[in-house]
């Protein structure tokens, strides 16, 4: 097994963390088949805000090949998601408009639509503290994935 290091997140970690998010984006399995047209979509929605707004609670798991996991947290999820709604999502919606097409016929590109699906709608019932952990299988063969979401009251 390769040696892994856990370190604080820093500027420039986004591409590697977004990749881990993609590779764990189908309920812990590889989400790449669903996001080929926009592989950063999941990372922009679910990882980017933590790296930007909660850097002191963002840890990166790294091996010789690069980033292979992360642990991201928000001390106060209500304040975090309020900021997400006020600052992060409007920018995403402006940069990535809703695809055109008939959803009922499956003619809309398979991407995450920031104006419709957001962490605020997915995690509206969370308590005050959250932690999101994703890793590619223990950094060794980089096959498989582990994903966990935890929340608790302070």
C-alpha atoms as a PDB file:
ATOM      1  CA  UNK A   1       0.000   0.000   0.000  1.00  0.00           C
ATOM      2  CA  UNK A   2       1.220   3.500  -0.795  1.00  0.00           C
ATOM      3  CA  UNK A   3       1.956   6.000   1.923  1.00  0.00           C
ATOM      4  CA  UNK A   4      -0.769   8.584   2.297  1.00  0.00           C
ATOM      5  CA  UNK A   5      -0.603  12.015   3.871  1.00  0.00           C
ATOM      6  CA  UNK A   6      -3.424  14.031   5.383  1.00  0.00           C
ATOM      7  CA  UNK A   7      -2.872  17.760   5.109  1.00  0.00           C
ATOM      8  CA  UNK A   8      -4.864  20.990   5.185  1.00  0.00           C
ATOM      9  CA  UNK A   9      -6.420  21.937   1.865  1.00  0.00           C
ATOM     10  CA  UNK A  10      -4.740  24.724  -0.072  1.00  0.00           C
ATOM     11  CA  UNK A  11      -5.248  26.736  -3.232  1.00  0.00           C
ATOM     12  CA  UNK A  12      -4.846  24.534  -6.271  1.00  0.00           C
ATOM     13  CA  UNK A  13      -6.419  21.427  -4.698  1.00  0.00           C
ATOM     14  CA  UNK A  14      -9.713  21.915  -6.540  1.00  0.00           C
ATOM     15  CA  UNK A  15      -8.920  19.792  -9.643  1.00  0.00           C
ATOM     16  CA  UNK A  16      -7.804  16.789  -7.585  1.00  0.00           C
ATOM     17  CA  UNK A  17     -10.657  17.087  -5.086  1.00  0.00           C
ATOM     18  CA  UNK A  18     -13.187  17.537  -7.902  1.00  0.00           C
ATOM     19  CA  UNK A  19     -11.812  14.361  -9.502  1.00  0.00           C
ATOM     20  CA  UNK A  20     -12.324  12.401  -6.274  1.00  0.00           C
ATOM     21  CA  UNK A  21     -15.862  13.797  -6.096  1.00  0.00           C
ATOM     22  CA  UNK A  22     -16.508  12.609  -9.665  1.00  0.00           C
ATOM     23  CA  UNK A  23     -15.058   9.145  -8.991  1.00  0.00           C
ATOM     24  CA  UNK A  24     -17.270   8.753  -5.886  1.00  0.00           C
ATOM     25  CA  UNK A  25     -20.213  10.664  -7.359  1.00  0.00           C
ATOM     26  CA  UNK A  26     -22.562   7.726  -7.918  1.00  0.00           C
ATOM     27  CA  UNK A  27     -23.271   6.921  -4.263  1.00  0.00           C
ATOM     28  CA  UNK A  28     -19.632   6.028  -3.668  1.00  0.00           C
ATOM     29  CA  UNK A  29     -19.136   4.461  -7.086  1.00  0.00           C
ATOM     30  CA  UNK A  30     -17.631   6.048 -10.189  1.00  0.00           C
ATOM     31  CA  UNK A  31     -19.859   8.897 -11.371  1.00  0.00           C
ATOM     32  CA  UNK A  32     -17.844   9.574 -14.514  1.00  0.00           C
ATOM     33  CA  UNK A  33     -20.240   7.797 -16.907  1.00  0.00           C
ATOM     34  CA  UNK A  34     -22.966  10.246 -15.875  1.00  0.00           C
ATOM     35  CA  UNK A  35     -20.871  13.425 -16.163  1.00  0.00           C
ATOM     36  CA  UNK A  36     -18.669  12.955 -19.216  1.00  0.00           C
ATOM     37  CA  UNK A  37     -19.805  16.266 -20.711  1.00  0.00           C
ATOM     38  CA  UNK A  38     -18.967  18.181 -17.524  1.00  0.00           C
ATOM     39  CA  UNK A  39     -16.699  16.182 -15.193  1.00  0.00           C
ATOM     40  CA  UNK A  40     -16.294  19.099 -12.751  1.00  0.00           C
ATOM     41  CA  UNK A  41     -20.056  19.536 -12.210  1.00  0.00           C
ATOM     42  CA  UNK A  42     -20.270  17.545  -8.974  1.00  0.00           C
ATOM     43  CA  UNK A  43     -17.104  19.082  -7.571  1.00  0.00           C
ATOM     44  CA  UNK A  44     -18.280  22.617  -8.284  1.00  0.00           C
ATOM     45  CA  UNK A  45     -21.477  21.968  -6.360  1.00  0.00           C
ATOM     46  CA  UNK A  46     -20.381  19.695  -3.520  1.00  0.00           C
ATOM     47  CA  UNK A  47     -16.635  20.331  -2.955  1.00  0.00           C
ATOM     48  CA  UNK A  48     -15.790  23.839  -4.127  1.00  0.00           C
ATOM     49  CA  UNK A  49     -17.873  25.685  -1.540  1.00  0.00           C
ATOM     50  CA  UNK A  50     -16.200  23.843   1.353  1.00  0.00           C
ATOM     51  CA  UNK A  51     -12.725  24.582   0.026  1.00  0.00           C
ATOM     52  CA  UNK A  52     -13.663  28.244  -0.443  1.00  0.00           C
ATOM     53  CA  UNK A  53     -15.782  28.908   2.670  1.00  0.00           C
ATOM     54  CA  UNK A  54     -14.456  26.427   5.251  1.00  0.00           C
ATOM     55  CA  UNK A  55     -10.740  26.012   4.449  1.00  0.00           C
ATOM     56  CA  UNK A  56      -9.880  25.437   8.117  1.00  0.00           C
ATOM     57  CA  UNK A  57     -12.190  22.379   8.104  1.00  0.00           C
ATOM     58  CA  UNK A  58     -10.987  21.020   4.736  1.00  0.00           C
ATOM     59  CA  UNK A  59      -8.434  18.211   4.748  1.00  0.00           C
ATOM     60  CA  UNK A  60      -6.851  16.515   1.741  1.00  0.00           C
ATOM     61  CA  UNK A  61      -5.683  12.897   1.537  1.00  0.00           C
ATOM     62  CA  UNK A  62      -2.742  12.568  -0.822  1.00  0.00           C
ATOM     63  CA  UNK A  63      -0.391   9.859  -2.016  1.00  0.00           C
ATOM     64  CA  UNK A  64       2.471   9.774  -4.544  1.00  0.00           C
ATOM     65  CA  UNK A  65      -0.035   9.981  -7.406  1.00  0.00           C
ATOM     66  CA  UNK A  66      -1.823  13.036  -6.052  1.00  0.00           C
ATOM     67  CA  UNK A  67      -5.070  13.772  -4.261  1.00  0.00           C
ATOM     68  CA  UNK A  68      -7.019  10.618  -3.482  1.00  0.00           C
ATOM     69  CA  UNK A  69      -9.498  11.802  -0.867  1.00  0.00           C
ATOM     70  CA  UNK A  70     -10.786  14.583   1.313  1.00  0.00           C
ATOM     71  CA  UNK A  71     -12.643  15.356   4.511  1.00  0.00           C
ATOM     72  CA  UNK A  72     -14.719  18.526   4.319  1.00  0.00           C
ATOM     73  CA  UNK A  73     -16.743  20.049   7.096  1.00  0.00           C
ATOM     74  CA  UNK A  74     -18.912  22.990   7.985  1.00  0.00           C
ATOM     75  CA  UNK A  75     -19.050  24.016  11.603  1.00  0.00           C
ATOM     76  CA  UNK A  76     -22.442  25.682  11.165  1.00  0.00           C
ATOM     77  CA  UNK A  77     -24.250  24.112   8.222  1.00  0.00           C
ATOM     78  CA  UNK A  78     -27.117  26.602   8.276  1.00  0.00           C
ATOM     79  CA  UNK A  79     -24.733  29.555   7.917  1.00  0.00           C
ATOM     80  CA  UNK A  80     -22.698  27.633   5.349  1.00  0.00           C
ATOM     81  CA  UNK A  81     -25.702  26.846   3.171  1.00  0.00           C
ATOM     82  CA  UNK A  82     -27.058  30.377   3.536  1.00  0.00           C
ATOM     83  CA  UNK A  83     -23.753  31.633   2.150  1.00  0.00           C
ATOM     84  CA  UNK A  84     -23.868  28.952  -0.565  1.00  0.00           C
ATOM     85  CA  UNK A  85     -27.307  30.147  -1.629  1.00  0.00           C
ATOM     86  CA  UNK A  86     -26.357  33.836  -1.510  1.00  0.00           C
ATOM     87  CA  UNK A  87     -22.913  33.653  -3.126  1.00  0.00           C
ATOM     88  CA  UNK A  88     -21.936  30.307  -4.661  1.00  0.00           C
ATOM     89  CA  UNK A  89     -25.090  29.089  -6.410  1.00  0.00           C
ATOM     90  CA  UNK A  90     -25.957  32.391  -8.157  1.00  0.00           C
ATOM     91  CA  UNK A  91     -22.490  32.393  -9.729  1.00  0.00           C
ATOM     92  CA  UNK A  92     -22.915  28.765 -10.853  1.00  0.00           C
ATOM     93  CA  UNK A  93     -26.329  29.500 -12.329  1.00  0.00           C
ATOM     94  CA  UNK A  94     -24.923  32.482 -14.223  1.00  0.00           C
ATOM     95  CA  UNK A  95     -21.992  30.477 -15.610  1.00  0.00           C
ATOM     96  CA  UNK A  96     -23.915  27.257 -16.290  1.00  0.00           C
ATOM     97  CA  UNK A  97     -27.447  27.986 -17.491  1.00  0.00           C
ATOM     98  CA  UNK A  98     -30.055  25.269 -17.380  1.00  0.00           C
ATOM     99  CA  UNK A  99     -29.724  22.954 -20.399  1.00  0.00           C
ATOM    100  CA  UNK A 100     -32.465  23.162 -22.983  1.00  0.00           C
ATOM    101  CA  UNK A 101     -34.483  20.111 -23.946  1.00  0.00           C
ATOM    102  CA  UNK A 102     -37.312  17.917 -22.830  1.00  0.00           C
ATOM    103  CA  UNK A 103     -36.465  16.212 -19.539  1.00  0.00           C
ATOM    104  CA  UNK A 104     -39.302  13.731 -19.974  1.00  0.00           C
ATOM    105  CA  UNK A 105     -37.683  12.367 -23.135  1.00  0.00           C
ATOM    106  CA  UNK A 106     -34.161  12.336 -21.710  1.00  0.00           C
ATOM    107  CA  UNK A 107     -33.000  14.965 -24.188  1.00  0.00           C
ATOM    108  CA  UNK A 108     -31.337  17.201 -21.630  1.00  0.00           C
ATOM    109  CA  UNK A 109     -27.563  16.706 -21.258  1.00  0.00           C
ATOM    110  CA  UNK A 110     -26.718  14.644 -18.210  1.00  0.00           C
ATOM    111  CA  UNK A 111     -25.260  17.367 -16.012  1.00  0.00           C
ATOM    112  CA  UNK A 112     -25.997  18.718 -12.579  1.00  0.00           C
ATOM    113  CA  UNK A 113     -28.171  21.799 -12.951  1.00  0.00           C
ATOM    114  CA  UNK A 114     -27.087  24.255 -10.235  1.00  0.00           C
ATOM    115  CA  UNK A 115     -30.425  26.071 -10.242  1.00  0.00           C
ATOM    116  CA  UNK A 116     -32.362  22.897  -9.500  1.00  0.00           C
ATOM    117  CA  UNK A 117     -30.229  20.476  -7.485  1.00  0.00           C
ATOM    118  CA  UNK A 118     -28.089  21.991  -4.756  1.00  0.00           C
ATOM    119  CA  UNK A 119     -26.740  20.957  -1.373  1.00  0.00           C
ATOM    120  CA  UNK A 120     -29.342  23.187   0.251  1.00  0.00           C
ATOM    121  CA  UNK A 121     -32.170  21.115  -1.227  1.00  0.00           C
ATOM    122  CA  UNK A 122     -30.389  17.834  -0.536  1.00  0.00           C
ATOM    123  CA  UNK A 123     -29.270  18.645   3.007  1.00  0.00           C
ATOM    124  CA  UNK A 124     -32.036  20.976   4.180  1.00  0.00           C
ATOM    125  CA  UNK A 125     -32.711  18.821   7.249  1.00  0.00           C
ATOM    126  CA  UNK A 126     -29.109  18.520   8.468  1.00  0.00           C
ATOM    127  CA  UNK A 127     -28.206  19.506  11.979  1.00  0.00           C
ATOM    128  CA  UNK A 128     -25.666  22.211  12.748  1.00  0.00           C
ATOM    129  CA  UNK A 129     -22.405  20.425  11.896  1.00  0.00           C
ATOM    130  CA  UNK A 130     -21.591  18.262   8.883  1.00  0.00           C
ATOM    131  CA  UNK A 131     -18.628  16.271   7.641  1.00  0.00           C
ATOM    132  CA  UNK A 132     -18.218  14.859   4.130  1.00  0.00           C
ATOM    133  CA  UNK A 133     -15.495  12.279   3.508  1.00  0.00           C
ATOM    134  CA  UNK A 134     -14.624  10.744   0.129  1.00  0.00           C
ATOM    135  CA  UNK A 135     -11.601   8.632  -0.748  1.00  0.00           C
ATOM    136  CA  UNK A 136     -10.482   6.532  -3.648  1.00  0.00           C
ATOM    137  CA  UNK A 137      -9.813   3.115  -2.170  1.00  0.00           C
ATOM    138  CA  UNK A 138      -7.054   3.770   0.292  1.00  0.00           C
ATOM    139  CA  UNK A 139      -4.877   5.417  -2.295  1.00  0.00           C
ATOM    140  CA  UNK A 140      -3.294   2.115  -3.243  1.00  0.00           C
ATOM    141  CA  UNK A 141      -4.811   0.797  -6.455  1.00  0.00           C
ATOM    142  CA  UNK A 142      -7.210   3.757  -6.766  1.00  0.00           C
ATOM    143  CA  UNK A 143     -10.018   1.351  -7.537  1.00  0.00           C
ATOM    144  CA  UNK A 144     -13.341   1.644  -5.782  1.00  0.00           C
ATOM    145  CA  UNK A 145     -14.297   4.394  -3.383  1.00  0.00           C
ATOM    146  CA  UNK A 146     -15.504   5.225   0.085  1.00  0.00           C
ATOM    147  CA  UNK A 147     -18.002   7.985   0.734  1.00  0.00           C
ATOM    148  CA  UNK A 148     -19.532   9.060   4.030  1.00  0.00           C
ATOM    149  CA  UNK A 149     -21.610  11.943   5.259  1.00  0.00           C
ATOM    150  CA  UNK A 150     -22.025  12.585   8.939  1.00  0.00           C
ATOM    151  CA  UNK A 151     -23.916  15.202  10.854  1.00  0.00           C
ATOM    152  CA  UNK A 152     -24.384  15.900  14.524  1.00  0.00           C
ATOM    153  CA  UNK A 153     -25.570  18.505  16.957  1.00  0.00           C
ATOM    154  CA  UNK A 154     -23.043  20.606  18.808  1.00  0.00           C
END
